[in-house]
Amino acid sequence: MLGVRTDVDKLFDTLRQIQEPKGYYFNRDREKTFQLLRALLVNKDRYGYMSCPCRLAAGDREKDKDIVCPCVYREPDVQEFGSCYCNLYVSRDWNEGAIERHLVPERRSAEHYRKSSE
């Protein structure tokens, strides 16, 4: 059905307009990007907020405030590695292949996960 826009399409457009002027771009792998955006919407339905789809959420906004997308780790991840942990947000250089791509290590401490399970 041509002309039908999904919630994922709308989220993509909205976030792109907000984040690109700040220097954060969506991964050019559109399939991966839309898979992650769908997961954000699932988390929003599940928890009431868009927690990072690549991390275990507690279901408590206060406990998860560091991983509400865009998470607090995105900026240092993109600065250091060109990509956030999920590879949803990337730098222009990362998208263009101008920098080497590395796995982004988890910056969230194990303490957060222990608190989440309590």
C-alpha atoms as a PDB file:
ATOM      1  CA  MET A   1       0.000   0.000   0.000  1.00  0.00           C
ATOM      2  CA  LEU A   2       1.801   3.049  -1.263  1.00  0.00           C
ATOM      3  CA  GLY A   3       1.510   6.206   0.747  1.00  0.00           C
ATOM      4  CA  VAL A   4       0.930   4.457   4.062  1.00  0.00           C
ATOM      5  CA  ARG A   5       3.418   5.592   6.692  1.00  0.00           C
ATOM      6  CA  THR A   6       4.146   3.400   9.657  1.00  0.00           C
ATOM      7  CA  ASP A   7       5.004   4.449  13.190  1.00  0.00           C
ATOM      8  CA  VAL A   8       8.578   3.360  12.449  1.00  0.00           C
ATOM      9  CA  ASP A   9       8.732   5.661   9.409  1.00  0.00           C
ATOM     10  CA  LYS A  10       7.421   8.542  11.492  1.00  0.00           C
ATOM     11  CA  LEU A  11       9.914   7.859  14.294  1.00  0.00           C
ATOM     12  CA  PHE A  12      12.736   7.677  11.750  1.00  0.00           C
ATOM     13  CA  ASP A  13      11.796  11.042  10.228  1.00  0.00           C
ATOM     14  CA  THR A  14      11.273  12.756  13.591  1.00  0.00           C
ATOM     15  CA  LEU A  15      14.511  11.536  15.154  1.00  0.00           C
ATOM     16  CA  ARG A  16      16.511  12.235  12.004  1.00  0.00           C
ATOM     17  CA  GLN A  17      15.338  15.860  11.986  1.00  0.00           C
ATOM     18  CA  ILE A  18      16.309  16.247  15.644  1.00  0.00           C
ATOM     19  CA  GLN A  19      19.591  14.312  15.686  1.00  0.00           C
ATOM     20  CA  GLU A  20      21.302  15.083  12.362  1.00  0.00           C
ATOM     21  CA  PRO A  21      21.822  18.775  13.199  1.00  0.00           C
ATOM     22  CA  LYS A  22      23.610  17.539  16.344  1.00  0.00           C
ATOM     23  CA  GLY A  23      25.965  15.376  14.261  1.00  0.00           C
ATOM     24  CA  TYR A  24      24.263  12.030  14.910  1.00  0.00           C
ATOM     25  CA  TYR A  25      23.162  10.026  11.881  1.00  0.00           C
ATOM     26  CA  PHE A  26      21.247   6.816  11.480  1.00  0.00           C
ATOM     27  CA  ASN A  27      23.217   3.802  10.357  1.00  0.00           C
ATOM     28  CA  ARG A  28      22.968   3.523   6.564  1.00  0.00           C
ATOM     29  CA  ASP A  29      21.986  -0.120   6.968  1.00  0.00           C
ATOM     30  CA  ARG A  30      18.302   0.690   6.743  1.00  0.00           C
ATOM     31  CA  GLU A  31      17.176  -2.823   7.679  1.00  0.00           C
ATOM     32  CA  LYS A  32      19.203  -2.725  10.910  1.00  0.00           C
ATOM     33  CA  THR A  33      18.086   0.842  11.647  1.00  0.00           C
ATOM     34  CA  PHE A  34      14.402   0.034  11.205  1.00  0.00           C
ATOM     35  CA  GLN A  35      14.758  -3.158  13.251  1.00  0.00           C
ATOM     36  CA  LEU A  36      16.199  -1.080  16.118  1.00  0.00           C
ATOM     37  CA  LEU A  37      13.514   1.592  15.746  1.00  0.00           C
ATOM     38  CA  ARG A  38      10.810  -1.095  15.883  1.00  0.00           C
ATOM     39  CA  ALA A  39      12.422  -2.427  19.067  1.00  0.00           C
ATOM     40  CA  LEU A  40      12.367   1.092  20.553  1.00  0.00           C
ATOM     41  CA  LEU A  41       8.632   1.286  19.876  1.00  0.00           C
ATOM     42  CA  VAL A  42       8.106  -2.158  21.428  1.00  0.00           C
ATOM     43  CA  ASN A  43       9.959  -0.965  24.528  1.00  0.00           C
ATOM     44  CA  LYS A  44       7.846   2.183  24.598  1.00  0.00           C
ATOM     45  CA  ASP A  45       4.693   0.038  24.593  1.00  0.00           C
ATOM     46  CA  ARG A  46       6.162  -2.350  27.164  1.00  0.00           C
ATOM     47  CA  TYR A  47       7.704   0.135  29.611  1.00  0.00           C
ATOM     48  CA  GLY A  48       6.246   3.513  28.711  1.00  0.00           C
ATOM     49  CA  TYR A  49       9.610   4.824  27.483  1.00  0.00           C
ATOM     50  CA  MET A  50      12.019   3.981  24.689  1.00  0.00           C
ATOM     51  CA  SER A  51      14.772   2.102  26.472  1.00  0.00           C
ATOM     52  CA  CYS A  52      17.823   1.028  24.501  1.00  0.00           C
ATOM     53  CA  PRO A  53      16.889  -2.108  22.555  1.00  0.00           C
ATOM     54  CA  CYS A  54      20.408  -3.504  22.998  1.00  0.00           C
ATOM     55  CA  ARG A  55      20.389  -3.518  26.784  1.00  0.00           C
ATOM     56  CA  LEU A  56      18.340  -5.192  29.488  1.00  0.00           C
ATOM     57  CA  ALA A  57      15.783  -2.770  30.901  1.00  0.00           C
ATOM     58  CA  ALA A  58      14.395  -2.950  34.426  1.00  0.00           C
ATOM     59  CA  GLY A  59      11.009  -1.576  33.447  1.00  0.00           C
ATOM     60  CA  ASP A  60      11.518   1.272  35.918  1.00  0.00           C
ATOM     61  CA  ARG A  61      12.202   4.618  34.276  1.00  0.00           C
ATOM     62  CA  GLU A  62      14.307   5.844  37.195  1.00  0.00           C
ATOM     63  CA  LYS A  63      16.546   2.766  37.120  1.00  0.00           C
ATOM     64  CA  ASP A  64      16.744   2.918  33.323  1.00  0.00           C
ATOM     65  CA  LYS A  65      17.182   6.665  32.879  1.00  0.00           C
ATOM     66  CA  ASP A  66      20.731   6.168  31.560  1.00  0.00           C
ATOM     67  CA  ILE A  67      19.503   3.892  28.753  1.00  0.00           C
ATOM     68  CA  VAL A  68      16.504   5.857  27.506  1.00  0.00           C
ATOM     69  CA  CYS A  69      17.332   6.372  23.834  1.00  0.00           C
ATOM     70  CA  PRO A  70      19.354   8.308  23.003  1.00  0.00           C
ATOM     71  CA  CYS A  71      21.220   6.963  26.007  1.00  0.00           C
ATOM     72  CA  VAL A  72      23.822   8.843  28.018  1.00  0.00           C
ATOM     73  CA  TYR A  73      26.509   6.625  26.508  1.00  0.00           C
ATOM     74  CA  ARG A  74      25.797   7.611  22.910  1.00  0.00           C
ATOM     75  CA  GLU A  75      27.919  10.765  22.879  1.00  0.00           C
ATOM     76  CA  PRO A  76      31.135   9.199  24.211  1.00  0.00           C
ATOM     77  CA  ASP A  77      30.580   6.086  22.073  1.00  0.00           C
ATOM     78  CA  VAL A  78      30.152   8.071  18.852  1.00  0.00           C
ATOM     79  CA  GLN A  79      33.083  10.338  19.712  1.00  0.00           C
ATOM     80  CA  GLU A  80      35.400   7.420  20.434  1.00  0.00           C
ATOM     81  CA  PHE A  81      34.156   4.716  18.059  1.00  0.00           C
ATOM     82  CA  GLY A  82      31.992   6.536  15.496  1.00  0.00           C
ATOM     83  CA  SER A  83      28.934   4.565  16.599  1.00  0.00           C
ATOM     84  CA  CYS A  84      26.744   4.015  19.618  1.00  0.00           C
ATOM     85  CA  TYR A  85      26.600   0.595  21.275  1.00  0.00           C
ATOM     86  CA  CYS A  86      23.661  -0.530  19.084  1.00  0.00           C
ATOM     87  CA  ASN A  87      25.005   0.977  15.854  1.00  0.00           C
ATOM     88  CA  LEU A  88      21.773   2.953  15.550  1.00  0.00           C
ATOM     89  CA  TYR A  89      23.433   6.360  15.811  1.00  0.00           C
ATOM     90  CA  VAL A  90      26.699   6.851  13.977  1.00  0.00           C
ATOM     91  CA  SER A  91      28.978   9.634  12.820  1.00  0.00           C
ATOM     92  CA  ARG A  92      29.098  10.774   9.211  1.00  0.00           C
ATOM     93  CA  ASP A  93      32.624   9.331   8.917  1.00  0.00           C
ATOM     94  CA  TRP A  94      31.427   5.940  10.193  1.00  0.00           C
ATOM     95  CA  ASN A  95      28.581   5.885   7.657  1.00  0.00           C
ATOM     96  CA  GLU A  96      30.921   6.844   4.820  1.00  0.00           C
ATOM     97  CA  GLY A  97      33.527   4.244   5.772  1.00  0.00           C
ATOM     98  CA  ALA A  98      36.123   6.947   6.442  1.00  0.00           C
ATOM     99  CA  ILE A  99      36.964   5.436   9.838  1.00  0.00           C
ATOM    100  CA  GLU A 100      37.541   1.862  10.876  1.00  0.00           C
ATOM    101  CA  ARG A 101      34.543   0.183  12.468  1.00  0.00           C
ATOM    102  CA  HIS A 102      35.020  -1.427  15.861  1.00  0.00           C
ATOM    103  CA  LEU A 103      32.740  -3.227  18.267  1.00  0.00           C
ATOM    104  CA  VAL A 104      31.607  -0.701  20.840  1.00  0.00           C
ATOM    105  CA  PRO A 105      32.147  -1.958  24.388  1.00  0.00           C
ATOM    106  CA  GLU A 106      29.409  -1.734  26.990  1.00  0.00           C
ATOM    107  CA  ARG A 107      29.874   1.397  29.114  1.00  0.00           C
ATOM    108  CA  ARG A 108      26.974   0.663  31.434  1.00  0.00           C
ATOM    109  CA  SER A 109      28.332  -0.777  34.647  1.00  0.00           C
ATOM    110  CA  ALA A 110      27.357  -4.174  35.986  1.00  0.00           C
ATOM    111  CA  GLU A 111      25.982  -2.275  38.987  1.00  0.00           C
ATOM    112  CA  HIS A 112      23.118  -1.003  36.823  1.00  0.00           C
ATOM    113  CA  TYR A 113      22.168  -4.554  35.945  1.00  0.00           C
ATOM    114  CA  ARG A 114      22.258  -5.655  39.577  1.00  0.00           C
ATOM    115  CA  LYS A 115      19.992  -2.729  40.516  1.00  0.00           C
ATOM    116  CA  SER A 116      17.667  -3.615  37.644  1.00  0.00           C
ATOM    117  CA  SER A 117      17.088  -7.105  38.983  1.00  0.00           C
ATOM    118  CA  GLU A 118      16.304  -5.939  42.537  1.00  0.00           C
END
